[in-house]
Protein backbone atom coordinates (compact mmCIF):
# COMPACT_ATOMS: atom_id res chain seq x y z
CA MET A 1 -38.35 43.83 -36.57
CA GLY A 2 -41.75 43.52 -38.15
CA ASP A 3 -44.06 40.32 -38.15
CA ARG A 4 -43.28 39.72 -41.86
CA GLU A 5 -39.45 39.69 -41.27
CA GLN A 6 -39.83 37.37 -38.38
CA TYR A 7 -42.06 35.07 -40.40
CA VAL A 8 -39.49 34.99 -43.18
CA ARG A 9 -36.74 34.09 -40.72
CA TYR A 10 -38.77 31.42 -39.16
CA GLN A 11 -39.44 30.07 -42.60
CA GLY A 12 -35.65 29.89 -43.36
CA ASP A 13 -35.18 28.18 -39.79
CA ARG A 14 -37.79 25.52 -40.65
CA THR A 15 -35.91 25.01 -43.98
CA VAL A 16 -32.71 24.38 -42.01
CA LEU A 17 -34.35 22.11 -39.53
CA ALA A 18 -35.93 20.22 -42.43
CA ALA A 19 -32.31 19.80 -44.09
CA ILE A 20 -31.03 18.67 -40.73
CA GLY A 21 -34.06 16.17 -40.53
CA THR A 22 -33.15 14.85 -44.17
CA ASP A 23 -29.45 14.36 -43.07
CA LEU A 24 -30.48 12.64 -39.80
CA ASP A 25 -32.92 10.42 -41.51
CA ARG A 26 -30.11 8.74 -43.42
CA GLN A 27 -28.28 8.09 -40.16
CA VAL A 28 -30.98 6.82 -37.91
CA GLY A 29 -33.78 4.44 -38.53
CA ARG A 30 -35.68 2.39 -35.96
CA ILE A 31 -34.86 2.01 -32.41
CA SER A 32 -35.89 -0.90 -30.25
CA VAL A 33 -38.27 -0.01 -27.24
CA ARG A 34 -40.33 -1.80 -24.66
CA LEU A 35 -43.93 -0.72 -23.83
CA PRO A 36 -46.33 -2.00 -21.17
CA ARG A 37 -48.96 -4.18 -22.54
CA SER A 38 -51.75 -1.97 -21.69
CA LEU A 39 -50.25 1.03 -23.59
CA ALA A 40 -49.44 -1.16 -26.49
CA GLU A 41 -52.91 -2.50 -26.64
CA LEU A 42 -54.37 1.06 -26.68
CA ALA A 43 -52.06 2.03 -29.72
CA VAL A 44 -53.20 -1.26 -31.54
CA ASP A 45 -56.73 -0.22 -30.78
CA ALA A 46 -56.12 3.26 -32.23
CA TRP A 47 -54.78 1.63 -35.30
CA ASN A 48 -57.71 -0.67 -35.79
CA ARG A 49 -60.24 2.07 -35.28
CA GLU A 50 -62.38 3.44 -38.32
CA GLU A 51 -61.91 7.31 -38.22
CA PRO A 52 -63.96 9.15 -40.63
CA HIS A 53 -62.68 12.57 -41.46
CA ASP A 54 -65.23 14.87 -42.99
CA GLY A 55 -62.61 17.06 -44.53
CA GLY A 56 -64.27 20.33 -42.98
CA GLU A 57 -62.34 23.16 -41.45
CA GLU A 58 -60.46 22.44 -38.35
CA SER A 59 -58.47 24.83 -36.14
CA ARG A 60 -54.77 24.44 -35.56
CA ASP A 61 -55.49 22.69 -32.20
CA ASP A 62 -57.80 20.23 -33.96
CA TYR A 63 -55.14 19.63 -36.56
CA ALA A 64 -52.41 18.99 -34.07
CA LEU A 65 -54.68 16.75 -32.00
CA ARG A 66 -55.57 14.68 -35.04
CA GLU A 67 -52.09 14.54 -35.87
CA ASP A 68 -51.02 13.00 -32.60
CA ALA A 69 -53.84 10.40 -32.88
CA ALA A 70 -52.58 9.41 -36.22
CA GLU A 71 -48.86 9.04 -34.75
CA LEU A 72 -50.51 6.82 -31.93
CA ALA A 73 -52.27 4.75 -34.75
CA PHE A 74 -48.85 4.40 -36.67
CA ILE A 75 -47.24 3.09 -33.32
CA GLY A 76 -50.11 0.54 -33.19
CA LEU A 77 -49.46 -0.57 -36.69
CA ALA A 78 -45.69 -1.02 -35.83
CA ILE A 79 -46.70 -3.06 -32.95
CA SER A 80 -49.28 -5.07 -34.97
CA GLU A 81 -46.73 -5.81 -37.61
CA ARG A 82 -43.60 -6.47 -35.73
CA GLY A 83 -44.24 -6.29 -32.11
CA THR A 84 -43.05 -9.30 -29.85
CA TRP A 85 -45.26 -9.76 -26.78
CA ASP A 86 -43.56 -10.79 -23.70
CA GLY A 87 -45.90 -11.09 -20.73
CA GLU A 88 -46.94 -7.61 -19.67
CA GLN A 89 -44.68 -5.97 -22.18
CA VAL A 90 -44.14 -5.70 -25.92
CA ALA A 91 -40.87 -5.11 -27.67
CA VAL A 92 -41.01 -3.30 -31.06
CA ASP A 93 -38.68 -1.37 -33.27
CA LEU A 94 -40.13 2.09 -33.80
CA ASP A 95 -39.28 4.76 -36.40
CA LEU A 96 -37.44 7.63 -34.64
CA VAL A 97 -40.25 9.89 -35.75
CA GLN A 98 -42.76 7.86 -33.85
CA VAL A 99 -40.68 7.97 -30.69
CA ALA A 100 -40.15 11.75 -31.23
CA ALA A 101 -43.95 12.19 -31.49
CA ALA A 102 -44.65 10.28 -28.29
CA LEU A 103 -41.90 12.36 -26.45
CA ARG A 104 -43.23 15.67 -27.70
CA ALA A 105 -46.94 14.65 -26.65
CA ALA A 106 -45.49 13.86 -23.17
CA ARG A 107 -44.21 17.49 -22.83
C-alpha cells in the first residue's frame, strides 16, 4: 500500500474519530476534579500570562507544544472562574477535553 492510500485511510479514520467525538460531546460535559494548590496556581499563572505570537512559521513540535500550553491556560481559566479553593487543593469542574489534554501530556 502506498503512502497516498495510507494517508487517505488515516483521513477517513480521523473523520470517524471526529464523529465519535461529536456524539460523545453530547453525552459528557464537565467532570469534577481536585488539584493540588501548587499545580492549580501554575495553571492560573499560565492563563494570566501575556503570550505574543508572532505568527511566524513553526514546526509540528512547536505547534504541539504551544497547543499544550494553551490547554494549561484554559484549565487556569476554569480554575479562576469556578474553582473552589480548599486549603492545599482546589476543586473545579473541567471540560472533558481539558482532562484529556492533561492525561495525553502525562503520557
